[in-house]
Amino acid sequence: MWGTAAEKKEKNWGPVLEEGAYTFLGKGVDFKGKAKFDSSVRIDGLYDGQIVSQDTLIIGESGIVKGEITCENLICSGKIEGNIVASHKVQLLKPAVLIGSVRASSFSVEEGVVFHGTCDMGVSGLDDVSSQAGERAAMSKRSTVSSLNAEAEI
């Protein structure tokens, strides 16, 4: 794609360029709109809009994303202002800044990251826990009331 086969081999770009499964928006690139990617993406510029990726989205230290992100995995060292939905994991690496909500099954934040928002790592299991806790609290309340009534009769 870029240069002859000999130039690719000389610069050792062959494997990267032949895979064709990586998109790169470099520093100094400003993009506004909606984009869908089937492969891995790295953003080091400014992106304003909606991103949908079927693979890993990487936001470098100079990358800034304002908008909604839907992806499989997210690794961020840059800045995000918006909501993230990841089917697997979200990783925030120093010096990342995230202002918005995260919904993922795995969420990790390195020391030195700024995170201002909410995180949802799957509430389906919490429904069972909260209903069991509620039942236990109700039973405890009933037994306390019964014992108080019994004491009052004596």
N, C-alpha and C. Protein backbone atom coordinates (compact mmCIF):
# COMPACT_ATOMS: atom_id res chain seq x y z
N MET A 1 0.82 -1.19 0.00
CA MET A 1 0.00 0.00 0.00
C MET A 1 0.87 1.25 0.00
N TRP A 2 1.84 1.33 0.93
CA TRP A 2 2.73 2.48 1.00
C TRP A 2 4.13 2.03 0.65
N GLY A 3 4.53 2.27 -0.59
CA GLY A 3 5.86 1.90 -1.03
C GLY A 3 5.88 0.53 -1.68
N THR A 4 7.02 0.20 -2.22
CA THR A 4 7.20 -1.09 -2.88
C THR A 4 7.43 -2.17 -1.84
N ALA A 5 7.38 -3.43 -2.29
CA ALA A 5 7.60 -4.55 -1.38
C ALA A 5 8.98 -4.48 -0.75
N ALA A 6 9.97 -4.05 -1.54
CA ALA A 6 11.34 -3.94 -1.02
C ALA A 6 11.42 -2.87 0.07
N GLU A 7 10.72 -1.72 -0.14
CA GLU A 7 10.73 -0.66 0.86
C GLU A 7 10.04 -1.12 2.14
N LYS A 8 8.94 -1.86 1.98
CA LYS A 8 8.23 -2.37 3.16
C LYS A 8 9.13 -3.30 3.95
N LYS A 9 9.82 -4.20 3.24
CA LYS A 9 10.69 -5.15 3.90
C LYS A 9 11.84 -4.43 4.59
N GLU A 10 12.41 -3.44 3.90
CA GLU A 10 13.53 -2.68 4.45
C GLU A 10 13.12 -1.94 5.72
N LYS A 11 11.94 -1.37 5.75
CA LYS A 11 11.47 -0.60 6.91
C LYS A 11 10.76 -1.48 7.93
N ASN A 12 10.61 -2.77 7.60
CA ASN A 12 9.94 -3.73 8.49
C ASN A 12 8.48 -3.36 8.75
N TRP A 13 7.81 -2.79 7.76
CA TRP A 13 6.40 -2.44 7.87
C TRP A 13 5.50 -3.53 7.31
N GLY A 14 6.08 -4.49 6.66
CA GLY A 14 5.32 -5.53 5.97
C GLY A 14 4.18 -6.12 6.77
N PRO A 15 4.45 -6.71 7.94
CA PRO A 15 3.38 -7.35 8.70
C PRO A 15 2.27 -6.39 9.10
N VAL A 16 2.65 -5.17 9.48
CA VAL A 16 1.64 -4.19 9.92
C VAL A 16 0.73 -3.81 8.76
N LEU A 17 1.31 -3.54 7.62
CA LEU A 17 0.52 -3.08 6.48
C LEU A 17 -0.26 -4.20 5.83
N GLU A 18 0.26 -5.41 5.85
CA GLU A 18 -0.43 -6.52 5.21
C GLU A 18 -1.63 -6.98 6.02
N GLU A 19 -1.57 -6.84 7.34
CA GLU A 19 -2.70 -7.25 8.16
C GLU A 19 -3.94 -6.46 7.81
N GLY A 20 -3.80 -5.17 7.60
CA GLY A 20 -4.92 -4.31 7.23
C GLY A 20 -6.00 -4.24 8.30
N ALA A 21 -5.70 -4.65 9.52
CA ALA A 21 -6.70 -4.70 10.57
C ALA A 21 -6.44 -3.67 11.66
N TYR A 22 -5.94 -2.49 11.26
CA TYR A 22 -5.60 -1.48 12.25
C TYR A 22 -5.83 -0.10 11.63
N THR A 23 -6.58 0.74 12.32
CA THR A 23 -6.83 2.10 11.84
C THR A 23 -6.17 3.07 12.81
N PHE A 24 -5.56 4.11 12.27
CA PHE A 24 -4.82 5.06 13.10
C PHE A 24 -5.23 6.48 12.73
N LEU A 25 -5.71 7.24 13.71
CA LEU A 25 -5.98 8.66 13.54
C LEU A 25 -4.92 9.39 14.35
N GLY A 26 -3.93 9.93 13.67
CA GLY A 26 -2.75 10.49 14.31
C GLY A 26 -2.95 11.85 14.95
N LYS A 27 -1.91 12.27 15.65
CA LYS A 27 -1.88 13.57 16.31
C LYS A 27 -2.05 14.64 15.24
N GLY A 28 -2.86 15.64 15.52
CA GLY A 28 -3.11 16.71 14.56
C GLY A 28 -4.32 16.45 13.67
N VAL A 29 -4.90 15.25 13.75
CA VAL A 29 -6.09 14.93 12.97
C VAL A 29 -7.32 15.26 13.80
N ASP A 30 -8.23 16.05 13.23
CA ASP A 30 -9.51 16.36 13.87
C ASP A 30 -10.61 15.71 13.05
N PHE A 31 -11.47 14.94 13.73
CA PHE A 31 -12.54 14.24 13.04
C PHE A 31 -13.84 14.49 13.78
N LYS A 32 -14.89 14.75 13.04
CA LYS A 32 -16.20 14.98 13.64
C LYS A 32 -17.21 14.13 12.90
N GLY A 33 -18.03 13.38 13.65
CA GLY A 33 -19.06 12.57 13.02
C GLY A 33 -19.23 11.22 13.69
N LYS A 34 -19.69 10.25 12.89
CA LYS A 34 -19.95 8.91 13.37
C LYS A 34 -19.10 7.94 12.56
N ALA A 35 -18.42 7.03 13.27
CA ALA A 35 -17.57 6.07 12.57
C ALA A 35 -17.76 4.68 13.16
N LYS A 36 -17.70 3.69 12.28
CA LYS A 36 -17.81 2.29 12.68
C LYS A 36 -16.57 1.57 12.16
N PHE A 37 -15.90 0.84 13.06
CA PHE A 37 -14.68 0.13 12.72
C PHE A 37 -14.87 -1.36 13.02
N ASP A 38 -14.39 -2.20 12.12
CA ASP A 38 -14.44 -3.65 12.35
C ASP A 38 -13.16 -4.17 12.98
N SER A 39 -12.14 -3.32 13.03
CA SER A 39 -10.86 -3.75 13.55
C SER A 39 -10.37 -2.78 14.62
N SER A 40 -9.16 -2.99 15.10
CA SER A 40 -8.58 -2.14 16.13
C SER A 40 -8.36 -0.72 15.62
N VAL A 41 -8.51 0.24 16.53
CA VAL A 41 -8.38 1.66 16.18
C VAL A 41 -7.52 2.33 17.24
N ARG A 42 -6.65 3.23 16.79
CA ARG A 42 -5.88 4.06 17.73
C ARG A 42 -6.14 5.51 17.37
N ILE A 43 -6.48 6.32 18.39
CA ILE A 43 -6.76 7.73 18.18
C ILE A 43 -5.75 8.54 18.99
N ASP A 44 -4.99 9.38 18.30
CA ASP A 44 -4.07 10.30 18.96
C ASP A 44 -4.44 11.75 18.66
N GLY A 45 -5.49 11.96 17.90
CA GLY A 45 -5.96 13.29 17.56
C GLY A 45 -7.24 13.61 18.32
N LEU A 46 -8.05 14.50 17.73
CA LEU A 46 -9.31 14.91 18.33
C LEU A 46 -10.46 14.26 17.58
N TYR A 47 -11.34 13.59 18.30
CA TYR A 47 -12.50 12.93 17.70
C TYR A 47 -13.74 13.43 18.42
N ASP A 48 -14.69 13.97 17.68
CA ASP A 48 -15.93 14.48 18.26
C ASP A 48 -17.09 13.76 17.58
N GLY A 49 -17.76 12.89 18.32
CA GLY A 49 -18.88 12.16 17.73
C GLY A 49 -19.04 10.78 18.33
N GLN A 50 -19.57 9.87 17.53
CA GLN A 50 -19.86 8.52 17.99
C GLN A 50 -18.88 7.54 17.35
N ILE A 51 -18.34 6.63 18.18
CA ILE A 51 -17.43 5.59 17.71
C ILE A 51 -18.02 4.24 18.06
N VAL A 52 -18.07 3.36 17.06
CA VAL A 52 -18.48 1.97 17.26
C VAL A 52 -17.36 1.11 16.70
N SER A 53 -16.77 0.26 17.55
CA SER A 53 -15.69 -0.62 17.12
C SER A 53 -15.99 -2.05 17.55
N GLN A 54 -15.79 -2.97 16.64
CA GLN A 54 -16.00 -4.39 16.94
C GLN A 54 -14.77 -5.00 17.61
N ASP A 55 -13.74 -4.20 17.83
CA ASP A 55 -12.48 -4.69 18.37
C ASP A 55 -11.98 -3.71 19.45
N THR A 56 -10.69 -3.55 19.56
CA THR A 56 -10.08 -2.71 20.59
C THR A 56 -9.93 -1.27 20.12
N LEU A 57 -10.29 -0.34 20.99
CA LEU A 57 -10.11 1.08 20.74
C LEU A 57 -9.03 1.57 21.70
N ILE A 58 -7.99 2.18 21.14
CA ILE A 58 -6.89 2.71 21.94
C ILE A 58 -6.88 4.23 21.78
N ILE A 59 -6.87 4.93 22.89
CA ILE A 59 -6.77 6.39 22.86
C ILE A 59 -5.44 6.75 23.50
N GLY A 60 -4.53 7.29 22.69
CA GLY A 60 -3.19 7.65 23.15
C GLY A 60 -3.21 8.89 24.04
N GLU A 61 -2.06 9.22 24.61
CA GLU A 61 -1.95 10.35 25.54
C GLU A 61 -2.40 11.67 24.93
N SER A 62 -2.18 11.87 23.64
CA SER A 62 -2.60 13.12 23.00
C SER A 62 -4.00 13.02 22.42
N GLY A 63 -4.65 11.88 22.56
CA GLY A 63 -5.99 11.68 22.02
C GLY A 63 -7.07 12.28 22.89
N ILE A 64 -8.06 12.89 22.23
CA ILE A 64 -9.21 13.47 22.93
C ILE A 64 -10.47 13.00 22.20
N VAL A 65 -11.38 12.38 22.93
CA VAL A 65 -12.64 11.93 22.36
C VAL A 65 -13.78 12.56 23.13
N LYS A 66 -14.68 13.22 22.39
CA LYS A 66 -15.90 13.78 22.98
C LYS A 66 -17.06 13.10 22.29
N GLY A 67 -17.79 12.27 23.04
CA GLY A 67 -18.92 11.58 22.44
C GLY A 67 -19.12 10.19 23.01
N GLU A 68 -19.94 9.42 22.33
CA GLU A 68 -20.32 8.09 22.77
C GLU A 68 -19.38 7.04 22.15
N ILE A 69 -18.97 6.07 22.97
CA ILE A 69 -18.08 5.01 22.50
C ILE A 69 -18.73 3.66 22.80
N THR A 70 -18.76 2.81 21.78
CA THR A 70 -19.20 1.43 21.93
C THR A 70 -18.11 0.57 21.32
N CYS A 71 -17.56 -0.36 22.11
CA CYS A 71 -16.45 -1.18 21.60
C CYS A 71 -16.38 -2.48 22.38
N GLU A 72 -15.42 -3.32 21.97
CA GLU A 72 -15.18 -4.56 22.69
C GLU A 72 -14.25 -4.29 23.89
N ASN A 73 -13.12 -3.64 23.63
CA ASN A 73 -12.15 -3.28 24.66
C ASN A 73 -11.73 -1.83 24.45
N LEU A 74 -11.46 -1.13 25.55
CA LEU A 74 -10.98 0.24 25.47
C LEU A 74 -9.75 0.38 26.35
N ILE A 75 -8.68 0.94 25.77
CA ILE A 75 -7.48 1.25 26.51
C ILE A 75 -7.23 2.74 26.30
N CYS A 76 -7.22 3.51 27.38
CA CYS A 76 -7.14 4.96 27.24
C CYS A 76 -6.04 5.56 28.11
N SER A 77 -5.21 6.39 27.47
CA SER A 77 -4.23 7.21 28.19
C SER A 77 -4.52 8.69 27.97
N GLY A 78 -5.53 8.97 27.14
CA GLY A 78 -5.87 10.34 26.78
C GLY A 78 -7.07 10.85 27.55
N LYS A 79 -7.90 11.63 26.86
CA LYS A 79 -9.06 12.25 27.51
C LYS A 79 -10.34 11.82 26.80
N ILE A 80 -11.35 11.49 27.60
CA ILE A 80 -12.67 11.13 27.08
C ILE A 80 -13.71 11.92 27.84
N GLU A 81 -14.62 12.53 27.10
CA GLU A 81 -15.78 13.17 27.69
C GLU A 81 -17.00 12.56 27.01
N GLY A 82 -17.64 11.62 27.71
CA GLY A 82 -18.78 10.93 27.12
C GLY A 82 -18.97 9.58 27.77
N ASN A 83 -19.89 8.81 27.22
CA ASN A 83 -20.24 7.52 27.79
C ASN A 83 -19.61 6.38 27.01
N ILE A 84 -19.23 5.34 27.74
CA ILE A 84 -18.55 4.19 27.16
C ILE A 84 -19.35 2.93 27.47
N VAL A 85 -19.55 2.11 26.44
CA VAL A 85 -20.10 0.77 26.62
C VAL A 85 -19.11 -0.19 25.97
N ALA A 86 -18.53 -1.07 26.78
CA ALA A 86 -17.55 -2.04 26.28
C ALA A 86 -18.04 -3.44 26.62
N SER A 87 -18.01 -4.33 25.65
CA SER A 87 -18.49 -5.69 25.90
C SER A 87 -17.53 -6.48 26.77
N HIS A 88 -16.25 -6.10 26.82
CA HIS A 88 -15.30 -6.82 27.67
C HIS A 88 -14.69 -5.93 28.74
N LYS A 89 -13.70 -5.11 28.36
CA LYS A 89 -13.02 -4.36 29.42
C LYS A 89 -12.70 -2.93 29.02
N VAL A 90 -12.57 -2.11 30.05
CA VAL A 90 -12.13 -0.72 29.92
C VAL A 90 -10.93 -0.57 30.84
N GLN A 91 -9.82 -0.06 30.28
CA GLN A 91 -8.60 0.14 31.03
C GLN A 91 -8.20 1.61 30.91
N LEU A 92 -8.07 2.30 32.03
CA LEU A 92 -7.63 3.69 32.04
C LEU A 92 -6.21 3.73 32.59
N LEU A 93 -5.30 4.22 31.76
CA LEU A 93 -3.89 4.29 32.12
C LEU A 93 -3.47 5.73 32.36
N LYS A 94 -2.57 5.96 33.30
CA LYS A 94 -2.07 7.28 33.62
C LYS A 94 -1.51 7.94 32.36
N PRO A 95 -1.83 9.14 32.02
CA PRO A 95 -2.52 10.22 32.71
C PRO A 95 -3.95 10.44 32.20
N ALA A 96 -4.70 9.40 31.96
CA ALA A 96 -6.04 9.49 31.38
C ALA A 96 -6.99 10.34 32.23
N VAL A 97 -7.97 10.95 31.53
CA VAL A 97 -9.05 11.69 32.16
C VAL A 97 -10.34 11.19 31.53
N LEU A 98 -11.28 10.74 32.35
CA LEU A 98 -12.58 10.29 31.85
C LEU A 98 -13.68 10.99 32.62
N ILE A 99 -14.52 11.70 31.87
CA ILE A 99 -15.68 12.34 32.46
C ILE A 99 -16.89 11.73 31.75
N GLY A 100 -17.60 10.84 32.44
CA GLY A 100 -18.73 10.17 31.84
C GLY A 100 -18.96 8.82 32.49
N SER A 101 -19.87 8.05 31.91
CA SER A 101 -20.21 6.76 32.48
C SER A 101 -19.52 5.63 31.73
N VAL A 102 -19.32 4.53 32.46
CA VAL A 102 -18.69 3.34 31.90
C VAL A 102 -19.59 2.16 32.18
N ARG A 103 -19.80 1.36 31.15
CA ARG A 103 -20.53 0.10 31.33
C ARG A 103 -19.67 -0.98 30.68
N ALA A 104 -19.14 -1.88 31.50
CA ALA A 104 -18.26 -2.94 31.01
C ALA A 104 -18.22 -4.05 32.05
N SER A 105 -17.84 -5.24 31.63
CA SER A 105 -17.75 -6.35 32.58
C SER A 105 -16.46 -6.27 33.40
N SER A 106 -15.45 -5.55 32.89
CA SER A 106 -14.19 -5.37 33.60
C SER A 106 -13.75 -3.92 33.46
N PHE A 107 -13.35 -3.30 34.57
CA PHE A 107 -12.98 -1.89 34.56
C PHE A 107 -11.77 -1.71 35.47
N SER A 108 -10.66 -1.20 34.92
CA SER A 108 -9.49 -0.97 35.76
C SER A 108 -9.00 0.46 35.57
N VAL A 109 -8.55 1.04 36.69
CA VAL A 109 -8.09 2.42 36.71
C VAL A 109 -6.71 2.44 37.36
N GLU A 110 -5.73 2.92 36.63
CA GLU A 110 -4.38 3.02 37.15
C GLU A 110 -4.27 4.25 38.05
N GLU A 111 -3.38 4.19 39.02
CA GLU A 111 -3.15 5.34 39.91
C GLU A 111 -2.70 6.53 39.08
N GLY A 112 -3.28 7.70 39.36
CA GLY A 112 -2.94 8.92 38.63
C GLY A 112 -3.96 9.28 37.57
N VAL A 113 -4.98 8.45 37.39
CA VAL A 113 -6.05 8.71 36.42
C VAL A 113 -7.12 9.55 37.09
N VAL A 114 -7.76 10.43 36.31
CA VAL A 114 -8.90 11.20 36.80
C VAL A 114 -10.16 10.59 36.21
N PHE A 115 -11.07 10.14 37.08
CA PHE A 115 -12.34 9.55 36.65
C PHE A 115 -13.47 10.24 37.40
N HIS A 116 -14.35 10.88 36.64
CA HIS A 116 -15.50 11.55 37.24
C HIS A 116 -16.74 11.04 36.51
N GLY A 117 -17.46 10.13 37.15
CA GLY A 117 -18.63 9.57 36.50
C GLY A 117 -19.14 8.36 37.25
N THR A 118 -19.82 7.50 36.51
CA THR A 118 -20.38 6.30 37.10
C THR A 118 -19.85 5.07 36.37
N CYS A 119 -19.90 3.95 37.07
CA CYS A 119 -19.44 2.69 36.50
C CYS A 119 -20.48 1.61 36.76
N ASP A 120 -20.83 0.86 35.73
CA ASP A 120 -21.77 -0.25 35.84
C ASP A 120 -21.06 -1.49 35.31
N MET A 121 -20.79 -2.43 36.20
CA MET A 121 -20.09 -3.65 35.80
C MET A 121 -21.04 -4.84 35.81
N GLY A 122 -22.30 -4.59 35.54
CA GLY A 122 -23.27 -5.69 35.47
C GLY A 122 -24.09 -5.77 36.73
N VAL A 123 -25.35 -5.40 36.65
CA VAL A 123 -26.21 -5.38 37.83
C VAL A 123 -27.07 -6.62 37.94
N SER A 124 -26.99 -7.53 37.00
CA SER A 124 -27.86 -8.70 37.05
C SER A 124 -27.65 -9.50 38.32
N GLY A 125 -26.42 -9.65 38.78
CA GLY A 125 -26.13 -10.38 40.00
C GLY A 125 -26.57 -9.63 41.24
N LEU A 126 -26.62 -8.31 41.17
CA LEU A 126 -27.02 -7.51 42.32
C LEU A 126 -28.49 -7.65 42.64
N ASP A 127 -29.31 -7.92 41.62
CA ASP A 127 -30.74 -8.10 41.87
C ASP A 127 -30.97 -9.24 42.85
N ASP A 128 -30.27 -10.36 42.66
CA ASP A 128 -30.42 -11.50 43.55
C ASP A 128 -29.92 -11.17 44.95
N VAL A 129 -28.78 -10.50 45.04
CA VAL A 129 -28.19 -10.15 46.33
C VAL A 129 -29.10 -9.21 47.09
N SER A 130 -29.62 -8.17 46.41
CA SER A 130 -30.46 -7.20 47.11
C SER A 130 -31.78 -7.82 47.55
N SER A 131 -32.35 -8.74 46.76
CA SER A 131 -33.61 -9.35 47.18
C SER A 131 -33.38 -10.27 48.37
N GLN A 132 -32.24 -11.00 48.40
CA GLN A 132 -31.93 -11.86 49.54
C GLN A 132 -31.69 -11.01 50.78
N ALA A 133 -30.98 -9.90 50.63
CA ALA A 133 -30.72 -9.02 51.76
C ALA A 133 -32.02 -8.43 52.28
N GLY A 134 -32.91 -8.07 51.37
CA GLY A 134 -34.21 -7.53 51.77
C GLY A 134 -35.04 -8.55 52.53
N GLU A 135 -35.02 -9.80 52.08
CA GLU A 135 -35.74 -10.86 52.78
C GLU A 135 -35.18 -11.06 54.19
N ARG A 136 -33.84 -11.08 54.30
CA ARG A 136 -33.22 -11.25 55.62
C ARG A 136 -33.57 -10.08 56.54
N ALA A 137 -33.57 -8.87 56.02
CA ALA A 137 -33.90 -7.70 56.84
C ALA A 137 -35.35 -7.76 57.30
N ALA A 138 -36.24 -8.19 56.40
CA ALA A 138 -37.66 -8.31 56.77
C ALA A 138 -37.85 -9.37 57.85
N MET A 139 -37.15 -10.50 57.70
CA MET A 139 -37.27 -11.57 58.70
C MET A 139 -36.71 -11.10 60.04
N SER A 140 -35.60 -10.38 60.01
CA SER A 140 -35.00 -9.87 61.23
C SER A 140 -35.94 -8.88 61.92
N LYS A 141 -36.58 -8.04 61.11
CA LYS A 141 -37.51 -7.05 61.67
C LYS A 141 -38.70 -7.76 62.31
N ARG A 142 -39.23 -8.80 61.61
CA ARG A 142 -40.37 -9.55 62.15
C ARG A 142 -40.00 -10.21 63.47
N SER A 143 -38.80 -10.82 63.55
CA SER A 143 -38.40 -11.50 64.80
C SER A 143 -38.19 -10.48 65.91
N THR A 144 -37.68 -9.29 65.59
CA THR A 144 -37.48 -8.24 66.59
C THR A 144 -38.83 -7.76 67.12
N VAL A 145 -39.79 -7.54 66.20
CA VAL A 145 -41.12 -7.09 66.60
C VAL A 145 -41.80 -8.16 67.44
N SER A 146 -41.67 -9.44 67.06
CA SER A 146 -42.27 -10.55 67.82
C SER A 146 -41.70 -10.61 69.23
N SER A 147 -40.37 -10.45 69.34
CA SER A 147 -39.76 -10.52 70.68
C SER A 147 -40.16 -9.32 71.52
N LEU A 148 -40.32 -8.13 70.89
CA LEU A 148 -40.77 -6.96 71.64
C LEU A 148 -42.19 -7.14 72.13
N ASN A 149 -43.06 -7.72 71.28
CA ASN A 149 -44.45 -7.98 71.66
C ASN A 149 -44.51 -8.97 72.81
N ALA A 150 -43.66 -10.00 72.76
CA ALA A 150 -43.63 -11.01 73.81
C ALA A 150 -43.19 -10.39 75.13
N GLU A 151 -42.19 -9.49 75.08
CA GLU A 151 -41.72 -8.83 76.29
C GLU A 151 -42.78 -7.90 76.86
N ALA A 152 -43.53 -7.24 75.95
CA ALA A 152 -44.55 -6.29 76.39
C ALA A 152 -45.68 -7.01 77.12
N GLU A 153 -45.97 -8.25 76.75
CA GLU A 153 -47.04 -9.02 77.39
C GLU A 153 -46.66 -9.50 78.77
N ILE A 154 -45.38 -9.62 79.06
CA ILE A 154 -44.94 -10.16 80.34
C ILE A 154 -45.08 -9.18 81.42
